[in-house]
Amino acid sequence: QVQLVESGGGLVQAGGSLRLSCAASGSMFIINAMGWYRQAPGKQRELVATIISGGSTNYADSVKGRFTISRDSARNTVYLQMNSLKPDDTAVYYCNARGLWVQSGKFEVWGQGTLVTVSS
């Protein structure tokens, strides 16, 4: 019942900025954590940043100081502000959410991804 939709990807020059958004829709669920992952061609998917319900955040070393993850719990939306983008940031960025169904049980869902391309 949970669906994630990412947006905000695009083409930017090195040093530029993008803001990604991911909105969770559905019903009968509670989001505990949301995060951003990315996958470049020929590479494994890697964690970029996560944020949990208590507000704690984690960042990959490669993006610390440049990316900021935030969450609007009321709208079940997570954002990723990406500054000082580098060509190595080029990837498809996927939103992830973990939570609980109101009745019982856990879930994990992924969005379709949004492509970020950073040119030299």
PDB file of N, CA and C in Angstrom:
ATOM      1  N   GLN A   1       0.806  -1.215   0.000  1.00  0.00           N
ATOM      2  CA  GLN A   1       0.000   0.000   0.000  1.00  0.00           C
ATOM      3  C   GLN A   1       0.838   1.263   0.000  1.00  0.00           C
ATOM      4  N   VAL A   2       2.112   1.147   0.320  1.00  0.00           N
ATOM      5  CA  VAL A   2       2.999   2.305   0.356  1.00  0.00           C
ATOM      6  C   VAL A   2       3.687   2.456  -0.990  1.00  0.00           C
ATOM      7  N   GLN A   3       3.665   3.653  -1.497  1.00  0.00           N
ATOM      8  CA  GLN A   3       4.328   3.965  -2.749  1.00  0.00           C
ATOM      9  C   GLN A   3       5.229   5.177  -2.552  1.00  0.00           C
ATOM     10  N   LEU A   4       6.429   5.101  -3.095  1.00  0.00           N
ATOM     11  CA  LEU A   4       7.372   6.199  -3.026  1.00  0.00           C
ATOM     12  C   LEU A   4       7.601   6.746  -4.424  1.00  0.00           C
ATOM     13  N   VAL A   5       7.591   8.050  -4.535  1.00  0.00           N
ATOM     14  CA  VAL A   5       7.824   8.702  -5.805  1.00  0.00           C
ATOM     15  C   VAL A   5       8.902   9.750  -5.629  1.00  0.00           C
ATOM     16  N   GLU A   6      10.002   9.574  -6.351  1.00  0.00           N
ATOM     17  CA  GLU A   6      11.105  10.524  -6.297  1.00  0.00           C
ATOM     18  C   GLU A   6      10.963  11.569  -7.396  1.00  0.00           C
ATOM     19  N   SER A   7      11.533  12.712  -7.141  1.00  0.00           N
ATOM     20  CA  SER A   7      11.567  13.763  -8.135  1.00  0.00           C
ATOM     21  C   SER A   7      12.736  14.683  -7.840  1.00  0.00           C
ATOM     22  N   GLY A   8      13.099  15.483  -8.812  1.00  0.00           N
ATOM     23  CA  GLY A   8      14.129  16.479  -8.608  1.00  0.00           C
ATOM     24  C   GLY A   8      15.434  16.206  -9.306  1.00  0.00           C
ATOM     25  N   GLY A   9      15.579  15.037  -9.903  1.00  0.00           N
ATOM     26  CA  GLY A   9      16.805  14.733 -10.611  1.00  0.00           C
ATOM     27  C   GLY A   9      16.937  15.556 -11.874  1.00  0.00           C
ATOM     28  N   GLY A  10      18.131  15.562 -12.406  1.00  0.00           N
ATOM     29  CA  GLY A  10      18.371  16.312 -13.617  1.00  0.00           C
ATOM     30  C   GLY A  10      19.834  16.386 -13.945  1.00  0.00           C
ATOM     31  N   LEU A  11      20.141  17.264 -14.870  1.00  0.00           N
ATOM     32  CA  LEU A  11      21.514  17.477 -15.322  1.00  0.00           C
ATOM     33  C   LEU A  11      22.026  18.792 -14.769  1.00  0.00           C
ATOM     34  N   VAL A  12      23.157  18.734 -14.105  1.00  0.00           N
ATOM     35  CA  VAL A  12      23.781  19.931 -13.562  1.00  0.00           C
ATOM     36  C   VAL A  12      25.275  19.884 -13.815  1.00  0.00           C
ATOM     37  N   GLN A  13      25.878  21.041 -13.756  1.00  0.00           N
ATOM     38  CA  GLN A  13      27.318  21.123 -13.875  1.00  0.00           C
ATOM     39  C   GLN A  13      27.964  20.904 -12.519  1.00  0.00           C
ATOM     40  N   ALA A  14      29.208  20.466 -12.547  1.00  0.00           N
ATOM     41  CA  ALA A  14      29.942  20.292 -11.304  1.00  0.00           C
ATOM     42  C   ALA A  14      29.906  21.578 -10.489  1.00  0.00           C
ATOM     43  N   GLY A  15      29.679  21.412  -9.198  1.00  0.00           N
ATOM     44  CA  GLY A  15      29.565  22.555  -8.320  1.00  0.00           C
ATOM     45  C   GLY A  15      28.151  23.044  -8.132  1.00  0.00           C
ATOM     46  N   GLY A  16      27.241  22.525  -8.925  1.00  0.00           N
ATOM     47  CA  GLY A  16      25.859  22.931  -8.841  1.00  0.00           C
ATOM     48  C   GLY A  16      25.107  22.210  -7.746  1.00  0.00           C
ATOM     49  N   SER A  17      23.806  22.482  -7.688  1.00  0.00           N
ATOM     50  CA  SER A  17      22.966  21.931  -6.638  1.00  0.00           C
ATOM     51  C   SER A  17      21.673  21.360  -7.202  1.00  0.00           C
ATOM     52  N   LEU A  18      21.154  20.382  -6.513  1.00  0.00           N
ATOM     53  CA  LEU A  18      19.848  19.817  -6.800  1.00  0.00           C
ATOM     54  C   LEU A  18      19.178  19.476  -5.486  1.00  0.00           C
ATOM     55  N   ARG A  19      17.867  19.478  -5.510  1.00  0.00           N
ATOM     56  CA  ARG A  19      17.100  19.075  -4.352  1.00  0.00           C
ATOM     57  C   ARG A  19      16.150  17.957  -4.766  1.00  0.00           C
ATOM     58  N   LEU A  20      16.363  16.787  -4.203  1.00  0.00           N
ATOM     59  CA  LEU A  20      15.524  15.642  -4.484  1.00  0.00           C
ATOM     60  C   LEU A  20      14.408  15.545  -3.455  1.00  0.00           C
ATOM     61  N   SER A  21      13.269  15.081  -3.906  1.00  0.00           N
ATOM     62  CA  SER A  21      12.133  14.882  -3.024  1.00  0.00           C
ATOM     63  C   SER A  21      11.610  13.469  -3.188  1.00  0.00           C
ATOM     64  N   CYS A  22      11.081  12.934  -2.125  1.00  0.00           N
ATOM     65  CA  CYS A  22      10.465  11.615  -2.152  1.00  0.00           C
ATOM     66  C   CYS A  22       9.239  11.650  -1.267  1.00  0.00           C
ATOM     67  N   ALA A  23       8.108  11.382  -1.853  1.00  0.00           N
ATOM     68  CA  ALA A  23       6.854  11.400  -1.125  1.00  0.00           C
ATOM     69  C   ALA A  23       6.292   9.994  -1.000  1.00  0.00           C
ATOM     70  N   ALA A  24       5.912   9.642   0.199  1.00  0.00           N
ATOM     71  CA  ALA A  24       5.286   8.353   0.454  1.00  0.00           C
ATOM     72  C   ALA A  24       3.782   8.531   0.498  1.00  0.00           C
ATOM     73  N   SER A  25       3.093   7.678  -0.199  1.00  0.00           N
ATOM     74  CA  SER A  25       1.645   7.739  -0.215  1.00  0.00           C
ATOM     75  C   SER A  25       1.062   6.384   0.136  1.00  0.00           C
ATOM     76  N   GLY A  26      -0.169   6.405   0.566  1.00  0.00           N
ATOM     77  CA  GLY A  26      -0.841   5.184   0.952  1.00  0.00           C
ATOM     78  C   GLY A  26      -1.582   5.398   2.247  1.00  0.00           C
ATOM     79  N   SER A  27      -1.807   4.320   2.933  1.00  0.00           N
ATOM     80  CA  SER A  27      -2.531   4.404   4.186  1.00  0.00           C
ATOM     81  C   SER A  27      -2.148   3.240   5.089  1.00  0.00           C
ATOM     82  N   MET A  28      -2.534   3.354   6.335  1.00  0.00           N
ATOM     83  CA  MET A  28      -2.348   2.279   7.305  1.00  0.00           C
ATOM     84  C   MET A  28      -0.880   1.959   7.560  1.00  0.00           C
ATOM     85  N   PHE A  29      -0.042   2.975   7.579  1.00  0.00           N
ATOM     86  CA  PHE A  29       1.364   2.750   7.844  1.00  0.00           C
ATOM     87  C   PHE A  29       1.962   3.889   8.650  1.00  0.00           C
ATOM     88  N   ILE A  30       3.077   3.578   9.269  1.00  0.00           N
ATOM     89  CA  ILE A  30       3.872   4.555   9.997  1.00  0.00           C
ATOM     90  C   ILE A  30       5.305   4.434   9.501  1.00  0.00           C
ATOM     91  N   ILE A  31       5.866   5.529   9.067  1.00  0.00           N
ATOM     92  CA  ILE A  31       7.237   5.545   8.595  1.00  0.00           C
ATOM     93  C   ILE A  31       8.187   5.727   9.773  1.00  0.00           C
ATOM     94  N   ASN A  32       9.152   4.846   9.885  1.00  0.00           N
ATOM     95  CA  ASN A  32      10.171   4.951  10.922  1.00  0.00           C
ATOM     96  C   ASN A  32      11.467   5.568  10.412  1.00  0.00           C
ATOM     97  N   ALA A  33      11.777   5.282   9.176  1.00  0.00           N
ATOM     98  CA  ALA A  33      13.026   5.770   8.618  1.00  0.00           C
ATOM     99  C   ALA A  33      12.893   5.923   7.117  1.00  0.00           C
ATOM    100  N   MET A  34      13.560   6.918   6.592  1.00  0.00           N
ATOM    101  CA  MET A  34      13.616   7.115   5.161  1.00  0.00           C
ATOM    102  C   MET A  34      15.054   7.422   4.782  1.00  0.00           C
ATOM    103  N   GLY A  35      15.383   7.104   3.572  1.00  0.00           N
ATOM    104  CA  GLY A  35      16.749   7.337   3.156  1.00  0.00           C
ATOM    105  C   GLY A  35      16.892   7.433   1.661  1.00  0.00           C
ATOM    106  N   TRP A  36      18.077   7.815   1.277  1.00  0.00           N
ATOM    107  CA  TRP A  36      18.440   7.911  -0.123  1.00  0.00           C
ATOM    108  C   TRP A  36      19.612   6.990  -0.405  1.00  0.00           C
ATOM    109  N   TYR A  37      19.501   6.270  -1.481  1.00  0.00           N
ATOM    110  CA  TYR A  37      20.559   5.411  -1.983  1.00  0.00           C
ATOM    111  C   TYR A  37      20.809   5.789  -3.433  1.00  0.00           C
ATOM    112  N   ARG A  38      21.935   5.370  -3.938  1.00  0.00           N
ATOM    113  CA  ARG A  38      22.217   5.664  -5.335  1.00  0.00           C
ATOM    114  C   ARG A  38      22.954   4.498  -5.975  1.00  0.00           C
ATOM    115  N   GLN A  39      22.805   4.411  -7.265  1.00  0.00           N
ATOM    116  CA  GLN A  39      23.455   3.356  -8.011  1.00  0.00           C
ATOM    117  C   GLN A  39      23.917   3.892  -9.358  1.00  0.00           C
ATOM    118  N   ALA A  40      25.192   3.806  -9.572  1.00  0.00           N
ATOM    119  CA  ALA A  40      25.780   4.193 -10.842  1.00  0.00           C
ATOM    120  C   ALA A  40      25.907   2.958 -11.725  1.00  0.00           C
ATOM    121  N   PRO A  41      25.945   3.135 -13.038  1.00  0.00           N
ATOM    122  CA  PRO A  41      26.075   1.988 -13.940  1.00  0.00           C
ATOM    123  C   PRO A  41      27.276   1.120 -13.598  1.00  0.00           C
ATOM    124  N   GLY A  42      27.045  -0.180 -13.497  1.00  0.00           N
ATOM    125  CA  GLY A  42      28.113  -1.108 -13.205  1.00  0.00           C
ATOM    126  C   GLY A  42      28.538  -1.169 -11.758  1.00  0.00           C
ATOM    127  N   LYS A  43      27.864  -0.431 -10.908  1.00  0.00           N
ATOM    128  CA  LYS A  43      28.220  -0.412  -9.502  1.00  0.00           C
ATOM    129  C   LYS A  43      27.046  -0.853  -8.639  1.00  0.00           C
ATOM    130  N   GLN A  44      27.365  -1.239  -7.414  1.00  0.00           N
ATOM    131  CA  GLN A  44      26.328  -1.636  -6.478  1.00  0.00           C
ATOM    132  C   GLN A  44      25.623  -0.420  -5.903  1.00  0.00           C
ATOM    133  N   ARG A  45      24.401  -0.639  -5.487  1.00  0.00           N
ATOM    134  CA  ARG A  45      23.668   0.430  -4.837  1.00  0.00           C
ATOM    135  C   ARG A  45      24.317   0.742  -3.494  1.00  0.00           C
ATOM    136  N   GLU A  46      24.452   2.005  -3.188  1.00  0.00           N
ATOM    137  CA  GLU A  46      25.084   2.415  -1.957  1.00  0.00           C
ATOM    138  C   GLU A  46      24.226   3.421  -1.209  1.00  0.00           C
ATOM    139  N   LEU A  47      24.394   3.416   0.082  1.00  0.00           N
ATOM    140  CA  LEU A  47      23.680   4.360   0.928  1.00  0.00           C
ATOM    141  C   LEU A  47      24.254   5.750   0.753  1.00  0.00           C
ATOM    142  N   VAL A  48      23.370   6.715   0.670  1.00  0.00           N
ATOM    143  CA  VAL A  48      23.773   8.113   0.599  1.00  0.00           C
ATOM    144  C   VAL A  48      23.499   8.804   1.925  1.00  0.00           C
ATOM    145  N   ALA A  49      22.264   8.700   2.383  1.00  0.00           N
ATOM    146  CA  ALA A  49      21.880   9.339   3.633  1.00  0.00           C
ATOM    147  C   ALA A  49      20.594   8.730   4.143  1.00  0.00           C
ATOM    148  N   THR A  50      20.450   8.692   5.448  1.00  0.00           N
ATOM    149  CA  THR A  50      19.224   8.199   6.063  1.00  0.00           C
ATOM    150  C   THR A  50      18.821   9.115   7.204  1.00  0.00           C
ATOM    151  N   ILE A  51      17.551   9.089   7.509  1.00  0.00           N
ATOM    152  CA  ILE A  51      17.030   9.843   8.638  1.00  0.00           C
ATOM    153  C   ILE A  51      15.961   8.993   9.304  1.00  0.00           C
ATOM    154  N   ILE A  52      16.030   8.907  10.620  1.00  0.00           N
ATOM    155  CA  ILE A  52      15.061   8.117  11.367  1.00  0.00           C
ATOM    156  C   ILE A  52      14.084   9.038  12.078  1.00  0.00           C
ATOM    157  N   SER A  53      13.066   8.423  12.657  1.00  0.00           N
ATOM    158  CA  SER A  53      11.985   9.198  13.263  1.00  0.00           C
ATOM    159  C   SER A  53      12.460  10.129  14.365  1.00  0.00           C
ATOM    160  N   GLY A  54      13.526   9.738  15.064  1.00  0.00           N
ATOM    161  CA  GLY A  54      14.053  10.578  16.115  1.00  0.00           C
ATOM    162  C   GLY A  54      14.867  11.754  15.617  1.00  0.00           C
ATOM    163  N   GLY A  55      15.099  11.804  14.333  1.00  0.00           N
ATOM    164  CA  GLY A  55      15.829  12.905  13.745  1.00  0.00           C
ATOM    165  C   GLY A  55      17.290  12.632  13.455  1.00  0.00           C
ATOM    166  N   SER A  56      17.793  11.502  13.905  1.00  0.00           N
ATOM    167  CA  SER A  56      19.189  11.171  13.654  1.00  0.00           C
ATOM    168  C   SER A  56      19.427  10.938  12.173  1.00  0.00           C
ATOM    169  N   THR A  57      20.561  11.375  11.715  1.00  0.00           N
ATOM    170  CA  THR A  57      20.916  11.231  10.308  1.00  0.00           C
ATOM    171  C   THR A  57      22.252  10.538  10.160  1.00  0.00           C
ATOM    172  N   ASN A  58      22.413   9.893   9.035  1.00  0.00           N
ATOM    173  CA  ASN A  58      23.671   9.261   8.675  1.00  0.00           C
ATOM    174  C   ASN A  58      23.974   9.608   7.226  1.00  0.00           C
ATOM    175  N   TYR A  59      25.237   9.808   6.948  1.00  0.00           N
ATOM    176  CA  TYR A  59      25.667  10.155   5.607  1.00  0.00           C
ATOM    177  C   TYR A  59      26.841   9.304   5.195  1.00  0.00           C
ATOM    178  N   ALA A  60      26.887   9.000   3.928  1.00  0.00           N
ATOM    179  CA  ALA A  60      28.076   8.380   3.385  1.00  0.00           C
ATOM    180  C   ALA A  60      29.225   9.376   3.468  1.00  0.00           C
ATOM    181  N   ASP A  61      30.419   8.860   3.693  1.00  0.00           N
ATOM    182  CA  ASP A  61      31.571   9.742   3.808  1.00  0.00           C
ATOM    183  C   ASP A  61      31.747  10.623   2.574  1.00  0.00           C
ATOM    184  N   SER A  62      31.389  10.097   1.430  1.00  0.00           N
ATOM    185  CA  SER A  62      31.594  10.814   0.188  1.00  0.00           C
ATOM    186  C   SER A  62      30.701  12.040   0.027  1.00  0.00           C
ATOM    187  N   VAL A  63      29.641  12.133   0.828  1.00  0.00           N
ATOM    188  CA  VAL A  63      28.712  13.251   0.677  1.00  0.00           C
ATOM    189  C   VAL A  63      28.635  14.135   1.909  1.00  0.00           C
ATOM    190  N   LYS A  64      29.320  13.774   2.967  1.00  0.00           N
ATOM    191  CA  LYS A  64      29.279  14.568   4.187  1.00  0.00           C
ATOM    192  C   LYS A  64      29.733  15.998   3.918  1.00  0.00           C
ATOM    193  N   GLY A  65      28.972  16.924   4.442  1.00  0.00           N
ATOM    194  CA  GLY A  65      29.287  18.326   4.252  1.00  0.00           C
ATOM    195  C   GLY A  65      28.721  18.915   2.990  1.00  0.00           C
ATOM    196  N   ARG A  66      28.248  18.073   2.090  1.00  0.00           N
ATOM    197  CA  ARG A  66      27.697  18.550   0.828  1.00  0.00           C
ATOM    198  C   ARG A  66      26.201  18.275   0.698  1.00  0.00           C
ATOM    199  N   PHE A  67      25.759  17.148   1.233  1.00  0.00           N
ATOM    200  CA  PHE A  67      24.359  16.753   1.138  1.00  0.00           C
ATOM    201  C   PHE A  67      23.692  16.886   2.499  1.00  0.00           C
ATOM    202  N   THR A  68      22.418  17.207   2.476  1.00  0.00           N
ATOM    203  CA  THR A  68      21.636  17.296   3.691  1.00  0.00           C
ATOM    204  C   THR A  68      20.310  16.582   3.488  1.00  0.00           C
ATOM    205  N   ILE A  69      20.012  15.650   4.373  1.00  0.00           N
ATOM    206  CA  ILE A  69      18.739  14.956   4.315  1.00  0.00           C
ATOM    207  C   ILE A  69      17.804  15.557   5.353  1.00  0.00           C
ATOM    208  N   SER A  70      16.565  15.707   4.990  1.00  0.00           N
ATOM    209  CA  SER A  70      15.569  16.237   5.909  1.00  0.00           C
ATOM    210  C   SER A  70      14.241  15.546   5.642  1.00  0.00           C
ATOM    211  N   ARG A  71      13.345  15.684   6.586  1.00  0.00           N
ATOM    212  CA  ARG A  71      12.075  14.991   6.465  1.00  0.00           C
ATOM    213  C   ARG A  71      10.938  15.849   6.973  1.00  0.00           C
ATOM    214  N   ASP A  72       9.852  15.825   6.246  1.00  0.00           N
ATOM    215  CA  ASP A  72       8.615  16.451   6.663  1.00  0.00           C
ATOM    216  C   ASP A  72       7.685  15.307   7.029  1.00  0.00           C
ATOM    217  N   SER A  73       7.648  14.979   8.305  1.00  0.00           N
ATOM    218  CA  SER A  73       6.879  13.828   8.757  1.00  0.00           C
ATOM    219  C   SER A  73       5.389  13.973   8.476  1.00  0.00           C
ATOM    220  N   ALA A  74       4.894  15.188   8.574  1.00  0.00           N
ATOM    221  CA  ALA A  74       3.474  15.421   8.352  1.00  0.00           C
ATOM    222  C   ALA A  74       3.062  15.076   6.931  1.00  0.00           C
ATOM    223  N   ARG A  75       3.986  15.206   6.004  1.00  0.00           N
ATOM    224  CA  ARG A  75       3.696  14.919   4.607  1.00  0.00           C
ATOM    225  C   ARG A  75       4.355  13.634   4.132  1.00  0.00           C
ATOM    226  N   ASN A  76       5.015  12.919   5.050  1.00  0.00           N
ATOM    227  CA  ASN A  76       5.730  11.694   4.699  1.00  0.00           C
ATOM    228  C   ASN A  76       6.638  11.903   3.496  1.00  0.00           C
ATOM    229  N   THR A  77       7.392  12.963   3.576  1.00  0.00           N
ATOM    230  CA  THR A  77       8.276  13.330   2.486  1.00  0.00           C
ATOM    231  C   THR A  77       9.691  13.519   2.998  1.00  0.00           C
ATOM    232  N   VAL A  78      10.638  13.002   2.256  1.00  0.00           N
ATOM    233  CA  VAL A  78      12.041  13.171   2.589  1.00  0.00           C
ATOM    234  C   VAL A  78      12.714  13.934   1.461  1.00  0.00           C
ATOM    235  N   TYR A  79      13.670  14.765   1.828  1.00  0.00           N
ATOM    236  CA  TYR A  79      14.379  15.583   0.862  1.00  0.00           C
ATOM    237  C   TYR A  79      15.871  15.313   0.948  1.00  0.00           C
ATOM    238  N   LEU A  80      16.526  15.536  -0.137  1.00  0.00           N
ATOM    239  CA  LEU A  80      17.973  15.466  -0.166  1.00  0.00           C
ATOM    240  C   LEU A  80      18.483  16.696  -0.892  1.00  0.00           C
ATOM    241  N   GLN A  81      19.045  17.605  -0.136  1.00  0.00           N
ATOM    242  CA  GLN A  81      19.652  18.794  -0.712  1.00  0.00           C
ATOM    243  C   GLN A  81      21.088  18.463  -1.055  1.00  0.00           C
ATOM    244  N   MET A  82      21.429  18.569  -2.304  1.00  0.00           N
ATOM    245  CA  MET A  82      22.747  18.203  -2.785  1.00  0.00           C
ATOM    246  C   MET A  82      23.449  19.446  -3.300  1.00  0.00           C
ATOM    247  N   ASN A  83      24.510  19.806  -2.633  1.00  0.00           N
ATOM    248  CA  ASN A  83      25.308  20.958  -3.018  1.00  0.00           C
ATOM    249  C   ASN A  83      26.702  20.515  -3.433  1.00  0.00           C
ATOM    250  N   SER A  84      27.382  21.395  -4.115  1.00  0.00           N
ATOM    251  CA  SER A  84      28.753  21.122  -4.554  1.00  0.00           C
ATOM    252  C   SER A  84      28.854  19.771  -5.245  1.00  0.00           C
ATOM    253  N   LEU A  85      27.967  19.540  -6.163  1.00  0.00           N
ATOM    254  CA  LEU A  85      27.908  18.244  -6.837  1.00  0.00           C
ATOM    255  C   LEU A  85      29.164  17.976  -7.650  1.00  0.00           C
ATOM    256  N   LYS A  86      29.535  16.716  -7.650  1.00  0.00           N
ATOM    257  CA  LYS A  86      30.701  16.252  -8.375  1.00  0.00           C
ATOM    258  C   LYS A  86      30.278  15.238  -9.430  1.00  0.00           C
ATOM    259  N   PRO A  87      31.070  15.059 -10.466  1.00  0.00           N
ATOM    260  CA  PRO A  87      30.737  14.039 -11.468  1.00  0.00           C
ATOM    261  C   PRO A  87      30.547  12.650 -10.852  1.00  0.00           C
ATOM    262  N   ASP A  88      31.260  12.346  -9.784  1.00  0.00           N
ATOM    263  CA  ASP A  88      31.114  11.051  -9.129  1.00  0.00           C
ATOM    264  C   ASP A  88      29.756  10.872  -8.461  1.00  0.00           C
ATOM    265  N   ASP A  89      29.003  11.947  -8.329  1.00  0.00           N
ATOM    266  CA  ASP A  89      27.665  11.858  -7.764  1.00  0.00           C
ATOM    267  C   ASP A  89      26.639  11.376  -8.788  1.00  0.00           C
ATOM    268  N   THR A  90      27.040  11.282 -10.030  1.00  0.00           N
ATOM    269  CA  THR A  90      26.139  10.831 -11.082  1.00  0.00           C
ATOM    270  C   THR A  90      25.649   9.423 -10.789  1.00  0.00           C
ATOM    271  N   ALA A  91      24.345   9.263 -10.727  1.00  0.00           N
ATOM    272  CA  ALA A  91      23.744   7.976 -10.405  1.00  0.00           C
ATOM    273  C   ALA A  91      22.235   8.109 -10.444  1.00  0.00           C
ATOM    274  N   VAL A  92      21.577   6.980 -10.361  1.00  0.00           N
ATOM    275  CA  VAL A  92      20.148   6.984 -10.114  1.00  0.00           C
ATOM    276  C   VAL A  92      19.966   6.976  -8.606  1.00  0.00           C
ATOM    277  N   TYR A  93      19.221   7.922  -8.118  1.00  0.00           N
ATOM    278  CA  TYR A  93      18.990   8.044  -6.689  1.00  0.00           C
ATOM    279  C   TYR A  93      17.637   7.461  -6.338  1.00  0.00           C
ATOM    280  N   TYR A  94      17.659   6.549  -5.376  1.00  0.00           N
ATOM    281  CA  TYR A  94      16.461   5.840  -4.966  1.00  0.00           C
ATOM    282  C   TYR A  94      16.073   6.218  -3.547  1.00  0.00           C
ATOM    283  N   CYS A  95      14.806   6.405  -3.361  1.00  0.00           N
ATOM    284  CA  CYS A  95      14.264   6.649  -2.039  1.00  0.00           C
ATOM    285  C   CYS A  95      13.872   5.321  -1.401  1.00  0.00           C
ATOM    286  N   ASN A  96      14.102   5.223  -0.122  1.00  0.00           N
ATOM    287  CA  ASN A  96      13.768   4.022   0.632  1.00  0.00           C
ATOM    288  C   ASN A  96      13.018   4.418   1.890  1.00  0.00           C
ATOM    289  N   ALA A  97      12.056   3.605   2.253  1.00  0.00           N
ATOM    290  CA  ALA A  97      11.315   3.847   3.482  1.00  0.00           C
ATOM    291  C   ALA A  97      11.094   2.544   4.224  1.00  0.00           C
ATOM    292  N   ARG A  98      11.253   2.612   5.513  1.00  0.00           N
ATOM    293  CA  ARG A  98      10.964   1.485   6.397  1.00  0.00           C
ATOM    294  C   ARG A  98       9.936   1.919   7.409  1.00  0.00           C
ATOM    295  N   GLY A  99       9.059   0.998   7.756  1.00  0.00           N
ATOM    296  CA  GLY A  99       8.043   1.361   8.717  1.00  0.00           C
ATOM    297  C   GLY A  99       7.226   0.183   9.170  1.00  0.00           C
ATOM    298  N   LEU A 100       6.093   0.505   9.746  1.00  0.00           N
ATOM    299  CA  LEU A 100       5.193  -0.493  10.295  1.00  0.00           C
ATOM    300  C   LEU A 100       3.790  -0.285   9.752  1.00  0.00           C
ATOM    301  N   TRP A 101       3.133  -1.369   9.488  1.00  0.00           N
ATOM    302  CA  TRP A 101       1.709  -1.289   9.200  1.00  0.00           C
ATOM    303  C   TRP A 101       0.977  -1.008  10.508  1.00  0.00           C
ATOM    304  N   VAL A 102      -0.087  -0.284  10.440  1.00  0.00           N
ATOM    305  CA  VAL A 102      -0.832   0.068  11.640  1.00  0.00           C
ATOM    306  C   VAL A 102      -1.275  -1.185  12.382  1.00  0.00           C
ATOM    307  N   GLN A 103      -1.744  -2.172  11.652  1.00  0.00           N
ATOM    308  CA  GLN A 103      -2.214  -3.404  12.285  1.00  0.00           C
ATOM    309  C   GLN A 103      -1.044  -4.198  12.852  1.00  0.00           C
ATOM    310  N   SER A 104      -0.077  -4.522  12.024  1.00  0.00           N
ATOM    311  CA  SER A 104       1.101  -5.274  12.443  1.00  0.00           C
ATOM    312  C   SER A 104       2.038  -5.451  11.262  1.00  0.00           C
ATOM    313  N   GLY A 105       3.279  -5.755  11.574  1.00  0.00           N
ATOM    314  CA  GLY A 105       4.230  -6.089  10.539  1.00  0.00           C
ATOM    315  C   GLY A 105       5.062  -4.908  10.061  1.00  0.00           C
ATOM    316  N   LYS A 106       6.207  -5.223   9.527  1.00  0.00           N
ATOM    317  CA  LYS A 106       7.129  -4.238   8.998  1.00  0.00           C
ATOM    318  C   LYS A 106       7.088  -4.238   7.475  1.00  0.00           C
ATOM    319  N   PHE A 107       7.549  -3.144   6.912  1.00  0.00           N
ATOM    320  CA  PHE A 107       7.652  -3.078   5.468  1.00  0.00           C
ATOM    321  C   PHE A 107       8.883  -2.294   5.069  1.00  0.00           C
ATOM    322  N   GLU A 108       9.287  -2.521   3.866  1.00  0.00           N
ATOM    323  CA  GLU A 108      10.337  -1.740   3.240  1.00  0.00           C
ATOM    324  C   GLU A 108       9.938  -1.539   1.793  1.00  0.00           C
ATOM    325  N   VAL A 109      10.042  -0.332   1.331  1.00  0.00           N
ATOM    326  CA  VAL A 109       9.634  -0.025  -0.025  1.00  0.00           C
ATOM    327  C   VAL A 109      10.655   0.897  -0.674  1.00  0.00           C
ATOM    328  N   TRP A 110      10.807   0.728  -1.962  1.00  0.00           N
ATOM    329  CA  TRP A 110      11.716   1.547  -2.755  1.00  0.00           C
ATOM    330  C   TRP A 110      10.955   2.341  -3.793  1.00  0.00           C
ATOM    331  N   GLY A 111      11.458   3.511  -4.069  1.00  0.00           N
ATOM    332  CA  GLY A 111      10.928   4.290  -5.161  1.00  0.00           C
ATOM    333  C   GLY A 111      11.545   3.858  -6.475  1.00  0.00           C
ATOM    334  N   GLN A 112      11.083   4.452  -7.558  1.00  0.00           N
ATOM    335  CA  GLN A 112      11.564   4.088  -8.884  1.00  0.00           C
ATOM    336  C   GLN A 112      12.934   4.670  -9.211  1.00  0.00           C
ATOM    337  N   GLY A 113      13.306   5.695  -8.516  1.00  0.00           N
ATOM    338  CA  GLY A 113      14.588   6.324  -8.748  1.00  0.00           C
ATOM    339  C   GLY A 113      14.476   7.572  -9.597  1.00  0.00           C
ATOM    340  N   THR A 114      15.405   8.475  -9.383  1.00  0.00           N
ATOM    341  CA  THR A 114      15.492   9.676 -10.194  1.00  0.00           C
ATOM    342  C   THR A 114      16.948   9.874 -10.573  1.00  0.00           C
ATOM    343  N   LEU A 115      17.183  10.154 -11.826  1.00  0.00           N
ATOM    344  CA  LEU A 115      18.540  10.223 -12.348  1.00  0.00           C
ATOM    345  C   LEU A 115      19.162  11.587 -12.091  1.00  0.00           C
ATOM    346  N   VAL A 116      20.347  11.554 -11.524  1.00  0.00           N
ATOM    347  CA  VAL A 116      21.151  12.752 -11.330  1.00  0.00           C
ATOM    348  C   VAL A 116      22.404  12.605 -12.168  1.00  0.00           C
ATOM    349  N   THR A 117      22.640  13.554 -13.038  1.00  0.00           N
ATOM    350  CA  THR A 117      23.818  13.548 -13.887  1.00  0.00           C
ATOM    351  C   THR A 117      24.591  14.840 -13.661  1.00  0.00           C
ATOM    352  N   VAL A 118      25.842  14.693 -13.311  1.00  0.00           N
ATOM    353  CA  VAL A 118      26.693  15.842 -13.042  1.00  0.00           C
ATOM    354  C   VAL A 118      27.808  15.866 -14.070  1.00  0.00           C
ATOM    355  N   SER A 119      27.841  16.904 -14.854  1.00  0.00           N
ATOM    356  CA  SER A 119      28.846  17.025 -15.893  1.00  0.00           C
ATOM    357  C   SER A 119      30.086  17.731 -15.363  1.00  0.00           C
ATOM    358  N   SER A 120      31.212  17.447 -16.003  1.00  0.00           N
ATOM    359  CA  SER A 120      32.472  18.048 -15.593  1.00  0.00           C
ATOM    360  C   SER A 120      32.531  19.510 -15.977  1.00  0.00           C
TER     361      SER A 120
END
